[in-house]
Amino acid sequence: MLKLLYNIKQEYISKSLYIWNTNRSSMRIFWELATRLIDIKGFIDDEWKGTRLIYNRPILGLFDVTEDEEAIIVVSEGAIVLNDENIHLEKKFVKYSQLLSIDKELFNRNVYLFGNGEGAKRYRKILHKNGIDVCGYCVSNNYQNNISDEALCIYNDDKYTESDAIVVAVLRTDYLNDIIDELRGCRADVYIEAFFDVAAIAGGNIATVIDKTLTENRNLVLCGSDDLFADLIESALDKYNIRLSHKIFSEFVFDILSFDPEATSVIVSEKNGEIRSFILEQLYSFGYHFEKLNLTGIQNYMKSKEVQTGKSCYVTDTLVGYSMRYSKSEPIMWKIFGDKKTHNRIIILGGSTSAEGVFAIESWGHKLHRKLINKGYSVQTFIGAQEGYDVLSEYLSLLRDGIYIKPSIVISMSSVNNVMAFSNNRTNLKCMVDRIINEGINKFDYYSGFPVDESGYSFWIRLERLIKYFVENELDAKYYGFAQPMNMYMDKMSLEDKIFFQIDENTEGAKSFAIESRDDDFYINLNSLFLHKNNMYYDHCHYSDEGNEWLSNEVMNHMIKDNILK
C-alpha cells in the first residue's frame, strides 16, 4: 500500500479533527489529510455554518465544538484565528505543520530505502533523526552493474514482506514514478514524502471539481495508470463516501466517450508526463476542460507538454534565482516571436499568469502578438514573464536584458505574486528564496534588507514607478503597466468563490490591491475586471483561455488607441 512518510502524530489520533475555515487553504489541508486516510469531522466557519456539506462533512460554527473535549481544530500556517472572543480556546487550535510527524508504523518495521544517491542520503538522515534505522538499500535492475555494497541489492518482490517498509528515496519526479510502477506488487508498505504535486493541490482546482461533482451529483471518473497512486486516491475518496463511477486506465482513455462531459468529472492520476499529456489532449477534444470544472488532476496538470516531458526546464538564474529554459539550443528566459527587422519590439513582463510555453494554454501575450499580426502590424514580441516572478524580478530582468532587446514598448502585467505575506521585507525575492529552500543550500541564514512594514500594493507601485522611469528614460520606449485582474479578495464572496480563490497567506495582500489600487494613476487598473465573471480562471489566479482572450483585447485596444505601432 502507498503511504505518506509524514502522518498524524500519536497524540492526535484519537481526537476529533476539524478544519478551520472553508477557503482554498482549508481545502488543501483537507486533501493532505484525506490522502493520509484521516477522518475529518467537519469544517469550522461561522459565516456558512449549517448551509451545506463539503465532501460529505458538515460546516459548523466554532462554538458548536467547544464543549467537545476531544475536538482539535487544524488551521493553515497563514490563518489568523485568535481574537478576544476565542482566546480561551487557544489550545484547541493546531497548525497543520504541528499535526504531522514521521509515520509511527515505521518504528515497527524493517525499513529499506529505494535509491542509493543524494536522495538516499537525505532520507536516511531524516529517518535517523527520528530514531529509525535503515536496514538496507535497493535499486532497480538498471543499476545491477553499479552494486558494490553488501547492504545494497536489486529490488525483488519476493524479498519483502508485510513486516517491511520501503521508503522511496529519490529526488527526481521521473525516478519516483518509475519506482512506484516497479513496486506495484510489493507486499511491504511503500512510503513517499508527498502525494499531490504542490502546485496541483495549492494552485489547482481539485477542491472545487470534487465539491461540484457532489453537489451536482455528477459521474466521477479516475483516469490514469493502474498503479499505487490510483489506489491511494480511490481509498481517500472512499474514506469520505465519494464513490468513483468508473476507472479508466491510460491505454483505454477513449472509453471516456461513453460519458457525457456535462454530467461527468474526470480526475487524471497519471504520473508519466508523456502519457499524461496524451490523455489531456484527448480529454480536451472530448469536451473536458479545467475552466469548465469537469477536469482535474493530482499533478501540476496545466503545464505544457514541453515542461511535463522535460524538454523545457528551470535553470539557475544568477540574478533572480531561476528561469525557464525553453530549449537546449536557446538557453534564455525569453520566448521570442516575429520579425527581427521590425521597429515594433514588444517586451512582456509578469509572472506565471503572463508566461508563454510554461502552461498548456496560449498566454494573453502570444494572443496579442497574433492579433497584431492579423491586423497588419509588423511586430516582434519578447515574453519574459516567468513562473513565480514578482514586480522586483521583472525590474531586475528588464535592467539586465532590456538594453540588448531595445524595445519600443514594454508591458508589465503583474501584482498576483506581490500579494503573498512576508515577515521581513518585500525585496525577499520569491524565486531566489524558493531556490535556496528547495535546493537545500540554506546553510546560512539569508538577508533581504532592513525590516520594512509595507503592503503588497505599496511595494508593487513603488517598483512599477522604477520600471516606468527606466523604460521611458533609459530605453526610450512606451511603458504600459497593468494591475492585473485578481479575485482572491472580494467584498461579497460566495462559498464557492471562497473555496476556489481565497488563500490565507494572500488575503491581506490581495485586499491591499483591491482597496488601494486606483483608476486615475500612471498604471491601468484591471484589478476588478473579472470579479464575479464565470470561466475567467482555471485556478485561484491563472487565467483560462477565455480570460486570456479578454486580456489580449484589453491590452491591444490601449495600444491601438494610443497609435504607438508603426
Protein backbone atom coordinates (compact mmCIF):
# COMPACT_ATOMS: atom_id res chain seq x y z
CA MET A 1 0.00 0.00 0.00
CA LEU A 2 1.20 3.52 -0.77
CA LYS A 3 1.54 5.70 2.33
CA LEU A 4 2.82 9.15 3.22
CA LEU A 5 6.08 9.43 5.14
CA TYR A 6 4.62 12.06 7.48
CA ASN A 7 1.39 11.20 9.23
CA ILE A 8 -0.68 12.46 12.12
CA LYS A 9 1.07 12.49 15.49
CA GLN A 10 0.13 9.86 18.05
CA GLU A 11 -1.32 12.46 20.44
CA TYR A 12 -3.95 13.47 17.85
CA ILE A 13 -5.00 10.06 16.55
CA SER A 14 -7.95 9.67 18.93
CA LYS A 15 -9.03 13.31 18.63
CA SER A 16 -11.98 14.67 16.65
CA LEU A 17 -10.33 16.72 13.91
CA TYR A 18 -11.99 19.74 12.31
CA ILE A 19 -10.56 22.14 9.74
CA TRP A 20 -10.70 25.87 10.28
CA ASN A 21 -12.50 27.86 7.59
CA THR A 22 -13.82 26.80 4.18
CA ASN A 23 -11.36 28.51 1.83
CA ARG A 24 -8.69 27.18 -0.54
CA SER A 25 -6.18 26.88 2.32
CA SER A 26 -8.69 24.75 4.22
CA MET A 27 -9.26 22.51 1.20
CA ARG A 28 -5.52 22.00 0.81
CA ILE A 29 -5.33 20.74 4.39
CA PHE A 30 -8.35 18.51 3.78
CA TRP A 31 -6.75 16.78 0.78
CA GLU A 32 -3.40 16.45 2.52
CA LEU A 33 -5.15 14.66 5.40
CA ALA A 34 -7.54 12.69 3.18
CA THR A 35 -4.61 11.11 1.33
CA ARG A 36 -3.35 10.03 4.75
CA LEU A 37 -6.78 8.41 5.26
CA ILE A 38 -7.52 10.69 8.21
CA ASP A 39 -11.19 11.17 9.07
CA ILE A 40 -12.04 14.88 9.26
CA LYS A 41 -15.28 15.52 11.15
CA GLY A 42 -16.15 18.84 9.53
CA PHE A 43 -15.23 22.44 8.75
CA ILE A 44 -15.48 25.42 11.13
CA ASP A 45 -16.87 28.57 9.53
CA ASP A 46 -19.45 30.68 11.40
CA GLU A 47 -20.44 32.55 8.24
CA TRP A 48 -21.51 29.41 6.36
CA LYS A 49 -22.38 27.02 9.20
CA GLY A 50 -25.32 24.72 8.53
CA THR A 51 -25.66 25.75 4.87
CA ARG A 52 -24.50 22.52 3.26
CA LEU A 53 -21.93 19.71 3.24
CA ILE A 54 -18.41 19.85 1.84
CA TYR A 55 -17.05 16.42 0.88
CA ASN A 56 -19.91 14.88 2.86
CA ARG A 57 -18.82 16.70 6.01
CA PRO A 58 -20.80 19.48 7.77
CA ILE A 59 -19.91 23.14 8.15
CA LEU A 60 -20.14 24.04 11.86
CA GLY A 61 -19.70 27.14 13.98
CA LEU A 62 -16.77 27.46 16.36
CA PHE A 63 -18.91 27.20 19.47
CA ASP A 64 -20.58 24.04 18.12
CA VAL A 65 -17.42 22.11 19.03
CA THR A 66 -16.07 23.94 22.06
CA GLU A 67 -17.78 21.58 24.52
CA ASP A 68 -16.16 18.56 22.87
CA GLU A 69 -13.02 17.91 24.90
CA GLU A 70 -11.62 15.75 22.09
CA ALA A 71 -12.10 18.39 19.38
CA ILE A 72 -8.99 19.78 17.67
CA ILE A 73 -9.21 22.49 15.00
CA VAL A 74 -6.50 22.35 12.33
CA VAL A 75 -5.50 25.71 10.85
CA SER A 76 -3.25 26.71 7.97
CA GLU A 77 0.08 28.44 8.56
CA GLY A 78 -1.28 31.78 7.34
CA ALA A 79 -4.63 31.74 9.14
CA ILE A 80 -5.37 34.48 11.68
CA VAL A 81 -7.62 32.75 14.17
CA LEU A 82 -7.38 34.05 17.72
CA ASN A 83 -9.23 37.14 18.95
CA ASP A 84 -10.72 38.42 22.20
CA GLU A 85 -13.76 36.17 21.84
CA ASN A 86 -11.94 32.86 21.37
CA ILE A 87 -8.54 33.36 23.02
CA HIS A 88 -9.64 30.98 25.81
CA LEU A 89 -9.84 28.23 23.17
CA GLU A 90 -6.23 28.65 22.08
CA LYS A 91 -5.28 25.06 22.99
CA LYS A 92 -7.89 23.67 20.62
CA PHE A 93 -6.14 25.18 17.58
CA VAL A 94 -3.22 23.34 15.97
CA LYS A 95 -1.21 24.49 12.96
CA TYR A 96 -1.17 21.89 10.20
CA SER A 97 2.64 21.71 10.29
CA GLN A 98 2.47 20.80 14.00
CA LEU A 99 0.00 17.98 13.37
CA LEU A 100 2.39 15.67 11.50
CA SER A 101 5.44 13.58 12.27
CA ILE A 102 7.14 10.51 10.80
CA ASP A 103 4.56 7.73 10.47
CA LYS A 104 4.58 5.72 13.71
CA GLU A 105 4.28 2.43 11.78
CA LEU A 106 7.89 2.80 10.60
CA PHE A 107 9.13 2.25 14.16
CA ASN A 108 7.78 -1.33 13.99
CA ARG A 109 9.07 -2.23 10.52
CA ASN A 110 12.28 -3.23 8.83
CA VAL A 111 12.91 -0.06 6.82
CA TYR A 112 14.63 -0.09 3.42
CA LEU A 113 15.42 2.80 1.12
CA PHE A 114 14.77 2.50 -2.61
CA GLY A 115 17.64 4.52 -4.05
CA ASN A 116 21.34 4.97 -3.47
CA GLY A 117 22.09 8.58 -4.40
CA GLU A 118 21.65 12.01 -2.86
CA GLY A 119 18.01 11.20 -2.12
CA ALA A 120 19.04 8.17 -0.07
CA LYS A 121 21.43 10.33 1.97
CA ARG A 122 18.67 12.84 2.62
CA TYR A 123 16.06 10.29 3.70
CA ARG A 124 18.50 8.29 5.80
CA LYS A 125 19.31 11.50 7.68
CA ILE A 126 15.60 12.24 8.20
CA LEU A 127 14.88 8.73 9.48
CA HIS A 128 17.98 8.64 11.71
CA LYS A 129 17.00 11.98 13.24
CA ASN A 130 13.66 10.41 14.16
CA GLY A 131 15.23 7.32 15.68
CA ILE A 132 14.65 4.93 12.76
CA ASP A 133 17.49 2.76 11.47
CA VAL A 134 17.76 1.79 7.82
CA CYS A 135 18.20 -1.95 7.25
CA GLY A 136 19.41 -1.68 3.68
CA TYR A 137 19.01 -0.22 0.21
CA CYS A 138 17.53 -1.47 -3.01
CA VAL A 139 17.66 -0.27 -6.60
CA SER A 140 16.06 -1.29 -9.88
CA ASN A 141 17.81 -3.83 -12.07
CA ASN A 142 19.04 -0.98 -14.31
CA TYR A 143 21.74 -0.40 -11.69
CA GLN A 144 22.87 -4.02 -11.40
CA ASN A 145 26.41 -3.26 -12.56
CA ASN A 146 26.87 -0.47 -10.01
CA ILE A 147 26.41 -2.58 -6.87
CA SER A 148 29.48 -2.84 -4.68
CA ASP A 149 27.93 -2.56 -1.21
CA GLU A 150 26.55 -5.66 0.51
CA ALA A 151 23.78 -3.51 2.04
CA LEU A 152 22.57 -2.75 -1.49
CA CYS A 153 20.57 -5.18 -3.61
CA ILE A 154 18.38 -5.38 -6.69
CA TYR A 155 14.71 -4.99 -5.81
CA ASN A 156 12.70 -8.21 -5.89
CA ASP A 157 9.03 -8.55 -4.84
CA ASP A 158 9.70 -11.84 -3.07
CA LYS A 159 12.33 -10.39 -0.74
CA TYR A 160 9.97 -8.07 1.19
CA THR A 161 7.04 -8.94 3.46
CA GLU A 162 4.30 -7.19 5.41
CA SER A 163 6.78 -6.59 8.25
CA ASP A 164 8.94 -4.43 5.97
CA ALA A 165 8.58 -0.88 4.69
CA ILE A 166 10.22 0.71 1.65
CA VAL A 167 10.83 4.46 1.57
CA VAL A 168 11.25 5.80 -1.96
CA ALA A 169 14.41 7.87 -1.55
CA VAL A 170 14.88 9.78 -4.80
CA LEU A 171 14.68 13.49 -5.58
CA ARG A 172 13.57 13.42 -9.21
CA THR A 173 9.88 13.00 -10.05
CA ASP A 174 10.53 10.84 -13.11
CA TYR A 175 12.57 8.41 -11.00
CA LEU A 176 9.80 8.36 -8.39
CA ASN A 177 7.19 7.45 -10.99
CA ASP A 178 9.29 4.60 -12.40
CA ILE A 179 9.93 3.20 -8.91
CA ILE A 180 6.24 3.32 -7.99
CA ASP A 181 5.49 1.31 -11.13
CA GLU A 182 8.11 -1.24 -10.12
CA LEU A 183 6.69 -1.55 -6.58
CA ARG A 184 3.12 -2.26 -7.76
CA GLY A 185 3.12 -5.83 -6.44
CA CYS A 186 5.17 -5.23 -3.29
CA ARG A 187 3.80 -6.75 -0.08
CA ALA A 188 5.62 -4.15 2.05
CA ASP A 189 4.09 -0.72 2.56
CA VAL A 190 5.64 1.86 0.24
CA TYR A 191 6.30 5.37 1.59
CA ILE A 192 6.68 8.62 -0.32
CA GLU A 193 7.06 12.13 1.07
CA ALA A 194 4.26 13.78 -0.90
CA PHE A 195 1.30 12.53 -2.91
CA PHE A 196 -0.01 15.69 -4.56
CA ASP A 197 2.17 17.86 -6.70
CA VAL A 198 2.32 21.05 -4.61
CA ALA A 199 1.00 23.19 -7.47
CA ALA A 200 -1.87 20.78 -8.14
CA ILE A 201 -3.24 20.92 -4.60
CA ALA A 202 -2.31 24.50 -3.68
CA GLY A 203 -2.99 26.05 -7.06
CA GLY A 204 -5.17 23.51 -8.85
CA ASN A 205 -8.91 23.05 -9.00
CA ILE A 206 -9.38 19.60 -7.43
CA ALA A 207 -11.15 21.02 -4.36
CA THR A 208 -13.81 22.76 -6.46
CA VAL A 209 -14.19 19.95 -9.02
CA ILE A 210 -14.88 17.30 -6.37
CA ASP A 211 -17.21 19.65 -4.49
CA LYS A 212 -19.11 20.47 -7.70
CA THR A 213 -19.27 16.76 -8.55
CA LEU A 214 -21.01 16.01 -5.25
CA THR A 215 -23.38 18.98 -5.22
CA GLU A 216 -24.47 18.31 -8.83
CA ASN A 217 -24.46 14.51 -8.49
CA ARG A 218 -22.06 14.08 -11.41
CA ASN A 219 -20.28 10.93 -12.52
CA LEU A 220 -16.71 10.79 -11.18
CA VAL A 221 -14.11 9.03 -13.33
CA LEU A 222 -10.47 8.32 -12.45
CA CYS A 223 -8.17 8.20 -15.46
CA GLY A 224 -4.55 7.04 -15.38
CA SER A 225 -2.31 4.03 -14.89
CA ASP A 226 -3.39 1.15 -12.69
CA ASP A 227 -0.83 1.96 -10.02
CA LEU A 228 -0.38 2.76 -6.33
CA PHE A 229 -1.28 6.43 -6.90
CA ALA A 230 -4.68 5.43 -8.30
CA ASP A 231 -5.21 3.04 -5.39
CA LEU A 232 -4.48 5.75 -2.82
CA ILE A 233 -6.74 8.39 -4.32
CA GLU A 234 -9.58 5.85 -4.54
CA SER A 235 -9.05 4.94 -0.87
CA ALA A 236 -9.03 8.64 0.10
CA LEU A 237 -12.31 9.24 -1.74
CA ASP A 238 -13.87 6.14 -0.19
CA LYS A 239 -13.00 7.47 3.26
CA TYR A 240 -15.50 10.27 2.64
CA ASN A 241 -18.07 8.15 0.87
CA ILE A 242 -17.12 9.68 -2.51
CA ARG A 243 -17.53 6.85 -5.00
CA LEU A 244 -15.91 6.54 -8.39
CA SER A 245 -18.33 5.85 -11.23
CA HIS A 246 -15.58 4.28 -13.30
CA LYS A 247 -11.81 3.81 -13.55
CA ILE A 248 -10.28 4.23 -17.00
CA PHE A 249 -6.71 3.10 -17.45
CA SER A 250 -4.43 5.24 -19.59
CA GLU A 251 -4.44 2.95 -22.62
CA PHE A 252 -8.25 2.98 -22.72
CA VAL A 253 -8.74 6.76 -22.49
CA PHE A 254 -11.25 6.66 -25.37
CA ASP A 255 -13.67 4.84 -23.05
CA ILE A 256 -14.48 8.30 -21.66
CA LEU A 257 -16.59 8.85 -24.79
CA SER A 258 -19.34 6.79 -23.16
CA PHE A 259 -19.77 9.59 -20.56
CA ASP A 260 -21.42 12.98 -21.02
CA PRO A 261 -18.90 15.77 -20.19
CA GLU A 262 -21.80 17.92 -18.96
CA ALA A 263 -22.57 15.33 -16.26
CA THR A 264 -19.09 13.93 -15.61
CA SER A 265 -15.89 14.98 -13.82
CA VAL A 266 -12.51 13.38 -14.58
CA ILE A 267 -9.55 13.09 -12.21
CA VAL A 268 -6.30 12.45 -14.08
CA SER A 269 -3.96 10.44 -11.86
CA GLU A 270 -1.34 9.55 -14.50
CA LYS A 271 2.17 10.45 -13.30
CA ASN A 272 4.11 9.82 -16.52
CA GLY A 273 4.50 13.16 -18.32
CA GLU A 274 4.31 11.83 -21.89
CA ILE A 275 1.24 9.68 -21.20
CA ARG A 276 -0.42 12.43 -19.15
CA SER A 277 -0.01 14.92 -21.98
CA PHE A 278 -1.63 12.47 -24.41
CA ILE A 279 -4.55 11.83 -22.04
CA LEU A 280 -5.14 15.55 -21.52
CA GLU A 281 -5.08 16.26 -25.27
CA GLN A 282 -7.77 13.63 -25.79
CA LEU A 283 -9.88 14.87 -22.89
CA TYR A 284 -9.73 18.45 -24.21
CA SER A 285 -11.03 17.23 -27.58
CA PHE A 286 -13.87 15.35 -25.83
CA GLY A 287 -15.16 18.45 -24.01
CA TYR A 288 -13.29 18.27 -20.69
CA HIS A 289 -11.55 21.47 -19.61
CA PHE A 290 -10.13 22.79 -16.35
CA GLU A 291 -12.04 26.08 -16.52
CA LYS A 292 -15.30 24.15 -17.04
CA LEU A 293 -14.57 22.42 -13.72
CA ASN A 294 -15.12 18.95 -15.17
CA LEU A 295 -11.41 18.08 -15.26
CA THR A 296 -8.77 17.96 -12.55
CA GLY A 297 -5.67 16.01 -11.51
CA ILE A 298 -3.15 15.21 -8.80
CA GLN A 299 -0.20 16.73 -10.67
CA ASN A 300 0.65 20.16 -12.00
CA TYR A 301 -1.57 19.18 -14.90
CA MET A 302 -1.76 22.60 -16.57
CA LYS A 303 1.92 22.64 -17.51
CA SER A 304 2.75 22.47 -21.22
CA LYS A 305 3.75 19.21 -22.87
CA GLU A 306 7.33 20.51 -23.16
CA VAL A 307 7.52 21.09 -19.41
CA GLN A 308 5.77 17.83 -18.48
CA THR A 309 8.16 15.82 -20.66
CA GLY A 310 11.28 17.71 -19.56
CA LYS A 311 12.06 19.42 -22.88
CA SER A 312 11.68 22.76 -21.14
CA CYS A 313 13.03 23.08 -17.63
CA TYR A 314 14.11 25.53 -14.96
CA VAL A 315 17.76 26.53 -14.72
CA THR A 316 19.65 28.62 -12.20
CA ASP A 317 19.43 32.32 -12.93
CA THR A 318 22.26 34.13 -11.15
CA LEU A 319 20.20 37.31 -10.85
CA VAL A 320 16.75 36.17 -9.68
CA GLY A 321 17.09 32.51 -8.68
CA TYR A 322 15.68 30.57 -11.63
CA SER A 323 14.32 31.00 -15.14
CA MET A 324 12.70 28.69 -17.66
CA ARG A 325 14.94 27.35 -20.42
CA TYR A 326 12.61 26.58 -23.30
CA SER A 327 15.07 24.53 -25.36
CA LYS A 328 18.67 23.36 -25.11
CA SER A 329 19.54 25.34 -28.22
CA GLU A 330 18.25 28.58 -26.63
CA PRO A 331 19.44 28.80 -23.01
CA ILE A 332 17.49 32.01 -22.33
CA MET A 333 14.39 33.01 -20.42
CA TRP A 334 12.71 34.87 -23.29
CA LYS A 335 10.07 33.46 -25.65
CA ILE A 336 10.60 35.37 -28.91
CA PHE A 337 8.16 35.66 -31.82
CA GLY A 338 8.00 37.66 -35.02
CA ASP A 339 10.03 39.82 -37.40
CA LYS A 340 13.56 40.70 -36.25
CA LYS A 341 13.70 43.72 -38.58
CA THR A 342 10.60 45.49 -37.28
CA HIS A 343 10.59 48.72 -35.28
CA ASN A 344 7.74 47.39 -33.13
CA ARG A 345 9.64 45.40 -30.50
CA ILE A 346 7.40 44.49 -27.54
CA ILE A 347 8.60 43.21 -24.15
CA ILE A 348 6.03 41.50 -21.90
CA LEU A 349 6.85 41.12 -18.20
CA GLY A 350 4.95 39.37 -15.43
CA GLY A 351 4.58 36.13 -13.53
CA SER A 352 3.11 32.77 -14.49
CA THR A 353 -0.19 34.40 -15.46
CA SER A 354 1.63 36.01 -18.40
CA ALA A 355 4.18 33.28 -19.16
CA GLU A 356 4.24 31.57 -22.57
CA GLY A 357 5.33 27.97 -23.09
CA VAL A 358 5.02 27.05 -19.41
CA PHE A 359 1.33 26.16 -19.44
CA ALA A 360 -0.81 24.16 -21.81
CA ILE A 361 -2.90 27.13 -22.95
CA GLU A 362 -1.81 30.11 -25.01
CA SER A 363 -0.84 33.18 -23.00
CA TRP A 364 -2.53 36.53 -23.45
CA GLY A 365 0.81 37.88 -24.70
CA HIS A 366 1.05 35.40 -27.53
CA LYS A 367 -2.59 36.02 -28.40
CA LEU A 368 -1.79 39.74 -28.52
CA HIS A 369 1.13 39.07 -30.87
CA ARG A 370 -1.07 37.06 -33.26
CA LYS A 371 -3.84 39.66 -33.22
CA LEU A 372 -1.44 42.48 -34.07
CA ILE A 373 -0.01 40.44 -36.95
CA ASN A 374 -3.55 39.75 -38.21
CA LYS A 375 -4.26 43.49 -38.13
CA GLY A 376 -1.32 44.06 -40.45
CA TYR A 377 1.30 45.25 -37.95
CA SER A 378 4.88 44.01 -38.15
CA VAL A 379 5.92 43.15 -34.57
CA GLN A 380 8.49 41.17 -32.64
CA THR A 381 7.42 40.08 -29.17
CA PHE A 382 9.71 39.08 -26.28
CA ILE A 383 7.79 37.36 -23.48
CA GLY A 384 9.96 37.38 -20.37
CA ALA A 385 7.20 36.61 -17.86
CA GLN A 386 8.21 33.70 -15.65
CA GLU A 387 6.51 31.48 -13.10
CA GLY A 388 6.93 32.99 -9.64
CA TYR A 389 8.28 36.34 -10.81
CA ASP A 390 7.04 39.37 -8.90
CA VAL A 391 7.49 43.04 -9.77
CA LEU A 392 11.07 43.08 -8.44
CA SER A 393 12.00 40.06 -10.58
CA GLU A 394 10.52 41.90 -13.57
CA TYR A 395 12.56 45.01 -12.84
CA LEU A 396 15.83 43.13 -12.43
CA SER A 397 15.40 41.06 -15.60
CA LEU A 398 14.50 44.22 -17.55
CA LEU A 399 17.57 46.04 -16.21
CA ARG A 400 19.75 43.16 -17.36
CA ASP A 401 18.23 42.28 -20.74
CA GLY A 402 16.19 45.30 -21.82
CA ILE A 403 19.16 47.30 -23.09
CA TYR A 404 20.03 44.48 -25.53
CA ILE A 405 16.48 43.88 -26.75
CA LYS A 406 15.96 47.61 -27.47
CA PRO A 407 12.15 47.53 -27.16
CA SER A 408 9.76 50.18 -28.41
CA ILE A 409 7.03 49.03 -25.99
CA VAL A 410 7.30 47.42 -22.52
CA ILE A 411 4.22 45.87 -20.91
CA SER A 412 4.14 44.85 -17.24
CA MET A 413 1.12 42.75 -16.23
CA SER A 414 1.54 41.89 -12.58
CA SER A 415 0.51 42.11 -8.90
CA VAL A 416 -0.54 38.50 -8.10
CA ASN A 417 2.93 37.50 -6.92
CA ASN A 418 3.11 40.54 -4.67
CA VAL A 419 0.13 39.59 -2.50
CA MET A 420 2.00 36.94 -0.52
CA ALA A 421 2.75 37.69 3.11
CA PHE A 422 6.34 38.48 4.10
CA SER A 423 7.56 38.85 7.67
CA ASN A 424 10.67 40.87 6.86
CA ASN A 425 10.97 42.83 3.63
CA ARG A 426 9.25 42.56 0.27
CA THR A 427 12.57 42.62 -1.54
CA ASN A 428 12.71 38.99 -0.34
CA LEU A 429 12.72 37.58 -3.91
CA LYS A 430 10.35 34.62 -4.05
CA CYS A 431 12.27 32.91 -6.85
CA MET A 432 15.58 33.17 -5.02
CA VAL A 433 14.16 32.05 -1.67
CA ASP A 434 12.36 29.13 -3.33
CA ARG A 435 15.66 28.02 -4.84
CA ILE A 436 17.53 28.35 -1.55
CA ILE A 437 14.91 26.23 0.23
CA ASN A 438 14.17 23.66 -2.49
CA GLU A 439 17.79 23.00 -3.35
CA GLY A 440 18.76 22.64 0.29
CA ILE A 441 21.51 25.24 0.03
CA ASN A 442 20.37 27.30 3.02
CA LYS A 443 23.44 26.50 5.15
CA PHE A 444 23.37 30.09 6.37
CA ASP A 445 20.53 32.48 7.10
CA TYR A 446 19.83 34.81 4.20
CA TYR A 447 19.49 38.57 4.36
CA SER A 448 16.90 40.56 2.41
CA GLY A 449 17.28 44.09 3.70
CA PHE A 450 16.09 46.17 6.62
CA PRO A 451 12.69 45.16 8.00
CA VAL A 452 10.01 47.26 6.30
CA ASP A 453 6.29 47.12 7.05
CA GLU A 454 4.86 47.67 3.57
CA SER A 455 1.67 46.49 1.89
CA GLY A 456 1.80 44.39 -1.24
CA TYR A 457 0.27 47.23 -3.24
CA SER A 458 2.68 49.84 -1.86
CA PHE A 459 5.70 47.74 -2.82
CA TRP A 460 4.28 46.94 -6.24
CA ILE A 461 3.53 50.55 -7.20
CA ARG A 462 6.95 51.67 -5.94
CA LEU A 463 8.68 49.18 -8.25
CA GLU A 464 6.33 49.92 -11.15
CA ARG A 465 7.40 53.56 -10.96
CA LEU A 466 11.02 52.45 -11.28
CA ILE A 467 10.15 50.25 -14.27
CA LYS A 468 8.30 53.15 -15.89
CA TYR A 469 11.24 55.51 -15.35
CA PHE A 470 13.75 53.03 -16.77
CA VAL A 471 11.58 52.23 -19.80
CA GLU A 472 10.91 55.85 -20.69
CA ASN A 473 14.28 57.40 -19.84
CA GLU A 474 16.84 54.66 -20.48
CA LEU A 475 15.15 52.53 -23.13
CA ASP A 476 13.26 55.40 -24.77
CA ALA A 477 10.20 53.16 -25.08
CA LYS A 478 6.48 53.31 -24.31
CA TYR A 479 5.50 51.87 -20.91
CA TYR A 480 2.24 50.10 -20.10
CA GLY A 481 1.77 48.97 -16.51
CA PHE A 482 -1.28 46.88 -15.64
CA ALA A 483 -2.52 45.92 -12.20
CA GLN A 484 -3.78 42.52 -13.31
CA PRO A 485 -7.21 41.02 -12.53
CA MET A 486 -7.45 39.24 -9.16
CA ASN A 487 -10.36 37.54 -7.42
CA MET A 488 -8.51 36.49 -4.26
CA TYR A 489 -10.26 39.22 -2.28
CA MET A 490 -13.88 40.29 -2.79
CA ASP A 491 -16.30 42.27 -0.64
CA LYS A 492 -19.03 39.71 -1.25
CA MET A 493 -17.60 36.23 -1.72
CA SER A 494 -19.83 33.20 -2.18
CA LEU A 495 -18.87 29.91 -0.53
CA GLU A 496 -17.91 28.56 -3.96
CA ASP A 497 -15.68 31.60 -4.60
CA LYS A 498 -14.12 31.19 -1.18
CA ILE A 499 -13.24 27.54 -1.86
CA PHE A 500 -11.79 28.48 -5.25
CA PHE A 501 -9.97 31.79 -4.68
CA GLN A 502 -9.25 32.65 -1.05
CA ILE A 503 -5.82 31.74 0.39
CA ASP A 504 -5.00 32.69 3.99
CA GLU A 505 -1.44 33.82 3.26
CA ASN A 506 -2.60 36.04 0.39
CA THR A 507 -5.75 37.63 1.80
CA GLU A 508 -4.24 40.79 3.28
CA GLY A 509 -2.03 41.38 0.23
CA ALA A 510 -4.94 40.90 -2.17
CA LYS A 511 -7.06 43.20 -0.01
CA SER A 512 -4.42 45.93 -0.27
CA PHE A 513 -4.68 45.85 -4.08
CA ALA A 514 -8.48 45.78 -4.02
CA ILE A 515 -8.69 48.78 -1.69
CA GLU A 516 -5.65 50.87 -2.66
CA SER A 517 -5.47 50.43 -6.46
CA ARG A 518 -6.83 53.40 -8.40
CA ASP A 519 -8.21 54.17 -11.83
CA ASP A 520 -6.52 57.57 -12.15
CA ASP A 521 -2.83 56.77 -11.69
CA PHE A 522 0.03 56.14 -14.14
CA TYR A 523 -0.87 52.45 -14.49
CA ILE A 524 -4.02 50.79 -15.89
CA ASN A 525 -6.10 49.21 -13.15
CA LEU A 526 -7.65 45.87 -14.13
CA ASN A 527 -7.86 44.52 -10.58
CA SER A 528 -11.63 44.07 -10.60
CA LEU A 529 -12.03 43.21 -14.30
CA PHE A 530 -13.01 39.56 -13.70
CA LEU A 531 -14.93 39.90 -10.43
CA HIS A 532 -17.96 37.57 -10.49
CA LYS A 533 -17.32 36.61 -14.12
CA ASN A 534 -17.53 32.89 -14.88
CA ASN A 535 -14.88 30.88 -16.75
CA MET A 536 -12.12 33.51 -16.48
CA TYR A 537 -9.83 31.36 -14.30
CA TYR A 538 -8.83 27.71 -14.15
CA ASP A 539 -7.47 28.10 -10.60
CA HIS A 540 -7.18 30.83 -7.97
CA CYS A 541 -5.10 33.19 -10.14
CA HIS A 542 -4.31 31.72 -13.58
CA TYR A 543 -6.50 32.76 -16.47
CA SER A 544 -8.41 30.41 -18.70
CA ASP A 545 -8.25 30.65 -22.47
CA GLU A 546 -11.29 32.93 -22.35
CA GLY A 547 -9.64 35.08 -19.68
CA ASN A 548 -6.50 35.42 -21.81
CA GLU A 549 -8.67 36.47 -24.76
CA TRP A 550 -10.12 39.28 -22.65
CA LEU A 551 -6.69 40.46 -21.54
CA SER A 552 -5.16 40.38 -25.02
CA ASN A 553 -8.04 42.50 -26.33
CA GLU A 554 -7.75 44.90 -23.39
CA VAL A 555 -4.03 45.48 -23.99
CA MET A 556 -4.38 45.70 -27.77
CA ASN A 557 -7.14 48.30 -27.50
CA HIS A 558 -4.90 50.56 -25.40
CA MET A 559 -2.03 50.23 -27.89
CA ILE A 560 -4.19 50.98 -30.92
CA LYS A 561 -5.93 53.89 -29.18
CA ASP A 562 -2.52 55.44 -28.41
CA ASN A 563 -1.40 54.93 -32.02
CA ILE A 564 2.08 53.77 -30.97
CA LEU A 565 2.53 50.96 -33.51
CA LYS A 566 4.40 51.89 -36.68
